[in-house]
Amino acid sequence: MAPEVDEGRSMDEIIERLTAKYSALSRERVVEVVDQVLASLQGAKVRDFVPVLVEREAKAILKPEAKAAKA
């Protein structure tokens, strides 16, 4: 059986990666987006993939914002 995913730790790691990747945006904005995406997945019965889904969706939101902030 696979070990359980520590979502809190995973979210912290995602926030760190996205803050570094999208340095044109504030850490607060990254945290806000990650929290919003995570909240949208609260009803998910299978939690194993939640961190992957959160990171993917957060990137989709943050990428155009970061591009606009650099322009």
PDB file of N, CA and C in Angstrom:
ATOM      1  N   MET A   1       0.848  -1.183   0.000  1.00  0.00           N
ATOM      2  CA  MET A   1       0.000   0.000   0.000  1.00  0.00           C
ATOM      3  C   MET A   1       0.893   1.246   0.000  1.00  0.00           C
ATOM      4  N   ALA A   2       0.537   2.239  -0.816  1.00  0.00           N
ATOM      5  CA  ALA A   2       1.313   3.474  -0.914  1.00  0.00           C
ATOM      6  C   ALA A   2       1.108   4.323   0.340  1.00  0.00           C
ATOM      7  N   PRO A   3       2.150   5.060   0.739  1.00  0.00           N
ATOM      8  CA  PRO A   3       1.994   5.926   1.911  1.00  0.00           C
ATOM      9  C   PRO A   3       1.024   7.054   1.612  1.00  0.00           C
ATOM     10  N   GLU A   4       0.352   7.524   2.663  1.00  0.00           N
ATOM     11  CA  GLU A   4      -0.600   8.615   2.489  1.00  0.00           C
ATOM     12  C   GLU A   4       0.129   9.899   2.145  1.00  0.00           C
ATOM     13  N   VAL A   5      -0.515  10.733   1.361  1.00  0.00           N
ATOM     14  CA  VAL A   5       0.053  12.005   0.955  1.00  0.00           C
ATOM     15  C   VAL A   5      -0.200  13.027   2.069  1.00  0.00           C
ATOM     16  N   ASP A   6       0.857  13.734   2.468  1.00  0.00           N
ATOM     17  CA  ASP A   6       0.724  14.815   3.445  1.00  0.00           C
ATOM     18  C   ASP A   6       0.395  16.078   2.655  1.00  0.00           C
ATOM     19  N   GLU A   7      -0.909  16.390   2.549  1.00  0.00           N
ATOM     20  CA  GLU A   7      -1.341  17.503   1.715  1.00  0.00           C
ATOM     21  C   GLU A   7      -0.761  18.842   2.165  1.00  0.00           C
ATOM     22  N   GLY A   8      -0.677  19.048   3.454  1.00  0.00           N
ATOM     23  CA  GLY A   8      -0.137  20.318   3.952  1.00  0.00           C
ATOM     24  C   GLY A   8       1.291  20.526   3.497  1.00  0.00           C
ATOM     25  N   ARG A   9       2.093  19.512   3.638  1.00  0.00           N
ATOM     26  CA  ARG A   9       3.492  19.582   3.211  1.00  0.00           C
ATOM     27  C   ARG A   9       3.570  19.747   1.694  1.00  0.00           C
ATOM     28  N   SER A  10       2.731  19.014   0.988  1.00  0.00           N
ATOM     29  CA  SER A  10       2.713  19.117  -0.472  1.00  0.00           C
ATOM     30  C   SER A  10       2.337  20.528  -0.913  1.00  0.00           C
ATOM     31  N   MET A  11       1.365  21.148  -0.254  1.00  0.00           N
ATOM     32  CA  MET A  11       0.958  22.507  -0.618  1.00  0.00           C
ATOM     33  C   MET A  11       2.105  23.483  -0.362  1.00  0.00           C
ATOM     34  N   ASP A  12       2.827  23.300   0.742  1.00  0.00           N
ATOM     35  CA  ASP A  12       3.977  24.164   1.025  1.00  0.00           C
ATOM     36  C   ASP A  12       5.029  24.046  -0.076  1.00  0.00           C
ATOM     37  N   GLU A  13       5.289  22.824  -0.525  1.00  0.00           N
ATOM     38  CA  GLU A  13       6.269  22.599  -1.587  1.00  0.00           C
ATOM     39  C   GLU A  13       5.791  23.210  -2.906  1.00  0.00           C
ATOM     40  N   ILE A  14       4.512  23.075  -3.191  1.00  0.00           N
ATOM     41  CA  ILE A  14       3.947  23.653  -4.412  1.00  0.00           C
ATOM     42  C   ILE A  14       4.070  25.173  -4.367  1.00  0.00           C
ATOM     43  N   ILE A  15       3.750  25.760  -3.233  1.00  0.00           N
ATOM     44  CA  ILE A  15       3.848  27.217  -3.087  1.00  0.00           C
ATOM     45  C   ILE A  15       5.284  27.674  -3.315  1.00  0.00           C
ATOM     46  N   GLU A  16       6.241  26.955  -2.774  1.00  0.00           N
ATOM     47  CA  GLU A  16       7.649  27.319  -2.965  1.00  0.00           C
ATOM     48  C   GLU A  16       8.037  27.245  -4.431  1.00  0.00           C
ATOM     49  N   ARG A  17       7.650  26.163  -5.105  1.00  0.00           N
ATOM     50  CA  ARG A  17       7.985  26.010  -6.532  1.00  0.00           C
ATOM     51  C   ARG A  17       7.345  27.105  -7.373  1.00  0.00           C
ATOM     52  N   LEU A  18       6.069  27.360  -7.131  1.00  0.00           N
ATOM     53  CA  LEU A  18       5.364  28.350  -7.940  1.00  0.00           C
ATOM     54  C   LEU A  18       5.833  29.774  -7.648  1.00  0.00           C
ATOM     55  N   THR A  19       6.191  30.057  -6.413  1.00  0.00           N
ATOM     56  CA  THR A  19       6.725  31.379  -6.066  1.00  0.00           C
ATOM     57  C   THR A  19       8.047  31.613  -6.793  1.00  0.00           C
ATOM     58  N   ALA A  20       8.876  30.585  -6.871  1.00  0.00           N
ATOM     59  CA  ALA A  20      10.148  30.708  -7.596  1.00  0.00           C
ATOM     60  C   ALA A  20       9.911  30.825  -9.101  1.00  0.00           C
ATOM     61  N   LYS A  21       8.999  30.029  -9.612  1.00  0.00           N
ATOM     62  CA  LYS A  21       8.733  30.004 -11.061  1.00  0.00           C
ATOM     63  C   LYS A  21       8.100  31.308 -11.536  1.00  0.00           C
ATOM     64  N   TYR A  22       7.182  31.847 -10.759  1.00  0.00           N
ATOM     65  CA  TYR A  22       6.463  33.059 -11.140  1.00  0.00           C
ATOM     66  C   TYR A  22       6.874  34.205 -10.216  1.00  0.00           C
ATOM     67  N   SER A  23       8.142  34.551 -10.272  1.00  0.00           N
ATOM     68  CA  SER A  23       8.705  35.547  -9.356  1.00  0.00           C
ATOM     69  C   SER A  23       8.134  36.954  -9.573  1.00  0.00           C
ATOM     70  N   ALA A  24       7.476  37.184 -10.710  1.00  0.00           N
ATOM     71  CA  ALA A  24       6.850  38.484 -10.947  1.00  0.00           C
ATOM     72  C   ALA A  24       5.611  38.674 -10.067  1.00  0.00           C
ATOM     73  N   LEU A  25       5.118  37.586  -9.497  1.00  0.00           N
ATOM     74  CA  LEU A  25       3.932  37.646  -8.637  1.00  0.00           C
ATOM     75  C   LEU A  25       4.344  37.534  -7.177  1.00  0.00           C
ATOM     76  N   SER A  26       3.531  38.076  -6.305  1.00  0.00           N
ATOM     77  CA  SER A  26       3.826  38.008  -4.871  1.00  0.00           C
ATOM     78  C   SER A  26       3.549  36.599  -4.332  1.00  0.00           C
ATOM     79  N   ARG A  27       4.234  36.281  -3.271  1.00  0.00           N
ATOM     80  CA  ARG A  27       3.992  35.001  -2.602  1.00  0.00           C
ATOM     81  C   ARG A  27       2.541  34.927  -2.145  1.00  0.00           C
ATOM     82  N   GLU A  28       2.007  36.051  -1.698  1.00  0.00           N
ATOM     83  CA  GLU A  28       0.627  36.088  -1.232  1.00  0.00           C
ATOM     84  C   GLU A  28      -0.344  35.690  -2.342  1.00  0.00           C
ATOM     85  N   ARG A  29      -0.078  36.139  -3.569  1.00  0.00           N
ATOM     86  CA  ARG A  29      -0.947  35.782  -4.699  1.00  0.00           C
ATOM     87  C   ARG A  29      -0.862  34.291  -4.981  1.00  0.00           C
ATOM     88  N   VAL A  30       0.339  33.751  -4.919  1.00  0.00           N
ATOM     89  CA  VAL A  30       0.519  32.311  -5.145  1.00  0.00           C
ATOM     90  C   VAL A  30      -0.239  31.525  -4.084  1.00  0.00           C
ATOM     91  N   VAL A  31      -0.100  31.914  -2.834  1.00  0.00           N
ATOM     92  CA  VAL A  31      -0.805  31.235  -1.743  1.00  0.00           C
ATOM     93  C   VAL A  31      -2.312  31.333  -1.952  1.00  0.00           C
ATOM     94  N   GLU A  32      -2.795  32.498  -2.333  1.00  0.00           N
ATOM     95  CA  GLU A  32      -4.224  32.700  -2.570  1.00  0.00           C
ATOM     96  C   GLU A  32      -4.747  31.746  -3.647  1.00  0.00           C
ATOM     97  N   VAL A  33      -4.023  31.639  -4.754  1.00  0.00           N
ATOM     98  CA  VAL A  33      -4.456  30.770  -5.850  1.00  0.00           C
ATOM     99  C   VAL A  33      -4.410  29.309  -5.420  1.00  0.00           C
ATOM    100  N   VAL A  34      -3.338  28.893  -4.768  1.00  0.00           N
ATOM    101  CA  VAL A  34      -3.225  27.499  -4.311  1.00  0.00           C
ATOM    102  C   VAL A  34      -4.364  27.180  -3.348  1.00  0.00           C
ATOM    103  N   ASP A  35      -4.650  28.081  -2.431  1.00  0.00           N
ATOM    104  CA  ASP A  35      -5.746  27.860  -1.477  1.00  0.00           C
ATOM    105  C   ASP A  35      -7.101  27.751  -2.180  1.00  0.00           C
ATOM    106  N   GLN A  36      -7.327  28.599  -3.181  1.00  0.00           N
ATOM    107  CA  GLN A  36      -8.587  28.566  -3.926  1.00  0.00           C
ATOM    108  C   GLN A  36      -8.750  27.241  -4.672  1.00  0.00           C
ATOM    109  N   VAL A  37      -7.684  26.814  -5.321  1.00  0.00           N
ATOM    110  CA  VAL A  37      -7.747  25.568  -6.085  1.00  0.00           C
ATOM    111  C   VAL A  37      -7.937  24.390  -5.130  1.00  0.00           C
ATOM    112  N   LEU A  38      -7.213  24.383  -4.028  1.00  0.00           N
ATOM    113  CA  LEU A  38      -7.358  23.308  -3.044  1.00  0.00           C
ATOM    114  C   LEU A  38      -8.786  23.265  -2.512  1.00  0.00           C
ATOM    115  N   ALA A  39      -9.367  24.422  -2.227  1.00  0.00           N
ATOM    116  CA  ALA A  39     -10.743  24.471  -1.721  1.00  0.00           C
ATOM    117  C   ALA A  39     -11.724  23.891  -2.739  1.00  0.00           C
ATOM    118  N   SER A  40     -11.447  24.106  -4.011  1.00  0.00           N
ATOM    119  CA  SER A  40     -12.347  23.582  -5.040  1.00  0.00           C
ATOM    120  C   SER A  40     -12.297  22.061  -5.128  1.00  0.00           C
ATOM    121  N   LEU A  41     -11.260  21.462  -4.561  1.00  0.00           N
ATOM    122  CA  LEU A  41     -11.098  20.005  -4.603  1.00  0.00           C
ATOM    123  C   LEU A  41     -11.405  19.341  -3.251  1.00  0.00           C
ATOM    124  N   GLN A  42     -11.965  20.083  -2.322  1.00  0.00           N
ATOM    125  CA  GLN A  42     -12.234  19.536  -0.985  1.00  0.00           C
ATOM    126  C   GLN A  42     -13.135  18.312  -1.013  1.00  0.00           C
ATOM    127  N   GLY A  43     -14.033  18.221  -1.969  1.00  0.00           N
ATOM    128  CA  GLY A  43     -14.950  17.093  -2.020  1.00  0.00           C
ATOM    129  C   GLY A  43     -14.382  15.855  -2.693  1.00  0.00           C
ATOM    130  N   ALA A  44     -13.146  15.930  -3.148  1.00  0.00           N
ATOM    131  CA  ALA A  44     -12.545  14.794  -3.852  1.00  0.00           C
ATOM    132  C   ALA A  44     -12.404  13.599  -2.899  1.00  0.00           C
ATOM    133  N   LYS A  45     -12.912  12.463  -3.327  1.00  0.00           N
ATOM    134  CA  LYS A  45     -12.847  11.264  -2.483  1.00  0.00           C
ATOM    135  C   LYS A  45     -11.460  10.638  -2.504  1.00  0.00           C
ATOM    136  N   VAL A  46     -10.823  10.657  -3.665  1.00  0.00           N
ATOM    137  CA  VAL A  46      -9.461  10.128  -3.783  1.00  0.00           C
ATOM    138  C   VAL A  46      -8.515  11.307  -3.667  1.00  0.00           C
ATOM    139  N   ARG A  47      -7.720  11.328  -2.610  1.00  0.00           N
ATOM    140  CA  ARG A  47      -6.883  12.479  -2.299  1.00  0.00           C
ATOM    141  C   ARG A  47      -5.462  12.368  -2.854  1.00  0.00           C
ATOM    142  N   ASP A  48      -5.081  11.192  -3.344  1.00  0.00           N
ATOM    143  CA  ASP A  48      -3.704  10.963  -3.764  1.00  0.00           C
ATOM    144  C   ASP A  48      -3.229  11.944  -4.831  1.00  0.00           C
ATOM    145  N   PHE A  49      -4.112  12.344  -5.725  1.00  0.00           N
ATOM    146  CA  PHE A  49      -3.715  13.188  -6.843  1.00  0.00           C
ATOM    147  C   PHE A  49      -4.029  14.661  -6.633  1.00  0.00           C
ATOM    148  N   VAL A  50      -4.546  15.010  -5.494  1.00  0.00           N
ATOM    149  CA  VAL A  50      -4.922  16.401  -5.235  1.00  0.00           C
ATOM    150  C   VAL A  50      -3.724  17.346  -5.394  1.00  0.00           C
ATOM    151  N   PRO A  51      -2.552  17.047  -4.838  1.00  0.00           N
ATOM    152  CA  PRO A  51      -1.425  17.975  -5.034  1.00  0.00           C
ATOM    153  C   PRO A  51      -1.072  18.187  -6.511  1.00  0.00           C
ATOM    154  N   VAL A  52      -1.090  17.136  -7.291  1.00  0.00           N
ATOM    155  CA  VAL A  52      -0.788  17.266  -8.718  1.00  0.00           C
ATOM    156  C   VAL A  52      -1.831  18.148  -9.403  1.00  0.00           C
ATOM    157  N   LEU A  53      -3.081  17.928  -9.082  1.00  0.00           N
ATOM    158  CA  LEU A  53      -4.156  18.719  -9.683  1.00  0.00           C
ATOM    159  C   LEU A  53      -4.091  20.183  -9.248  1.00  0.00           C
ATOM    160  N   VAL A  54      -3.778  20.409  -7.981  1.00  0.00           N
ATOM    161  CA  VAL A  54      -3.654  21.776  -7.476  1.00  0.00           C
ATOM    162  C   VAL A  54      -2.538  22.500  -8.209  1.00  0.00           C
ATOM    163  N   GLU A  55      -1.386  21.851  -8.328  1.00  0.00           N
ATOM    164  CA  GLU A  55      -0.256  22.515  -8.984  1.00  0.00           C
ATOM    165  C   GLU A  55      -0.566  22.806 -10.454  1.00  0.00           C
ATOM    166  N   ARG A  56      -1.164  21.863 -11.128  1.00  0.00           N
ATOM    167  CA  ARG A  56      -1.494  22.050 -12.545  1.00  0.00           C
ATOM    168  C   ARG A  56      -2.463  23.213 -12.740  1.00  0.00           C
ATOM    169  N   GLU A  57      -3.518  23.255 -11.952  1.00  0.00           N
ATOM    170  CA  GLU A  57      -4.523  24.319 -12.093  1.00  0.00           C
ATOM    171  C   GLU A  57      -3.946  25.676 -11.664  1.00  0.00           C
ATOM    172  N   ALA A  58      -3.158  25.690 -10.597  1.00  0.00           N
ATOM    173  CA  ALA A  58      -2.544  26.939 -10.138  1.00  0.00           C
ATOM    174  C   ALA A  58      -1.614  27.500 -11.212  1.00  0.00           C
ATOM    175  N   LYS A  59      -0.849  26.632 -11.868  1.00  0.00           N
ATOM    176  CA  LYS A  59       0.019  27.089 -12.963  1.00  0.00           C
ATOM    177  C   LYS A  59      -0.807  27.713 -14.080  1.00  0.00           C
ATOM    178  N   ALA A  60      -1.925  27.101 -14.408  1.00  0.00           N
ATOM    179  CA  ALA A  60      -2.781  27.612 -15.483  1.00  0.00           C
ATOM    180  C   ALA A  60      -3.308  29.007 -15.152  1.00  0.00           C
ATOM    181  N   ILE A  61      -3.523  29.281 -13.882  1.00  0.00           N
ATOM    182  CA  ILE A  61      -4.015  30.595 -13.458  1.00  0.00           C
ATOM    183  C   ILE A  61      -2.869  31.601 -13.370  1.00  0.00           C
ATOM    184  N   LEU A  62      -1.748  31.170 -12.810  1.00  0.00           N
ATOM    185  CA  LEU A  62      -0.642  32.088 -12.529  1.00  0.00           C
ATOM    186  C   LEU A  62       0.196  32.449 -13.750  1.00  0.00           C
ATOM    187  N   LYS A  63       0.313  31.537 -14.690  1.00  0.00           N
ATOM    188  CA  LYS A  63       1.182  31.793 -15.848  1.00  0.00           C
ATOM    189  C   LYS A  63       0.794  33.064 -16.608  1.00  0.00           C
ATOM    190  N   PRO A  64      -0.477  33.220 -16.999  1.00  0.00           N
ATOM    191  CA  PRO A  64      -0.815  34.462 -17.718  1.00  0.00           C
ATOM    192  C   PRO A  64      -0.702  35.706 -16.834  1.00  0.00           C
ATOM    193  N   GLU A  65      -0.943  35.561 -15.545  1.00  0.00           N
ATOM    194  CA  GLU A  65      -0.791  36.704 -14.632  1.00  0.00           C
ATOM    195  C   GLU A  65       0.664  37.142 -14.567  1.00  0.00           C
ATOM    196  N   ALA A  66       1.571  36.165 -14.477  1.00  0.00           N
ATOM    197  CA  ALA A  66       3.002  36.470 -14.406  1.00  0.00           C
ATOM    198  C   ALA A  66       3.476  37.101 -15.704  1.00  0.00           C
ATOM    199  N   LYS A  67       2.971  36.598 -16.821  1.00  0.00           N
ATOM    200  CA  LYS A  67       3.343  37.159 -18.123  1.00  0.00           C
ATOM    201  C   LYS A  67       2.891  38.604 -18.227  1.00  0.00           C
ATOM    202  N   ALA A  68       1.687  38.885 -17.784  1.00  0.00           N
ATOM    203  CA  ALA A  68       1.159  40.255 -17.816  1.00  0.00           C
ATOM    204  C   ALA A  68       1.934  41.170 -16.862  1.00  0.00           C
ATOM    205  N   ALA A  69       2.349  40.647 -15.726  1.00  0.00           N
ATOM    206  CA  ALA A  69       3.080  41.441 -14.751  1.00  0.00           C
ATOM    207  C   ALA A  69       4.466  41.823 -15.267  1.00  0.00           C
ATOM    208  N   LYS A  70       5.042  40.986 -16.109  1.00  0.00           N
ATOM    209  CA  LYS A  70       6.371  41.269 -16.673  1.00  0.00           C
ATOM    210  C   LYS A  70       6.294  42.264 -17.816  1.00  0.00           C
ATOM    211  N   ALA A  71       5.129  42.371 -18.438  1.00  0.00           N
ATOM    212  CA  ALA A  71       4.985  43.249 -19.623  1.00  0.00           C
ATOM    213  C   ALA A  71       4.912  44.710 -19.249  1.00  0.00           C
TER     214      ALA A  71
END
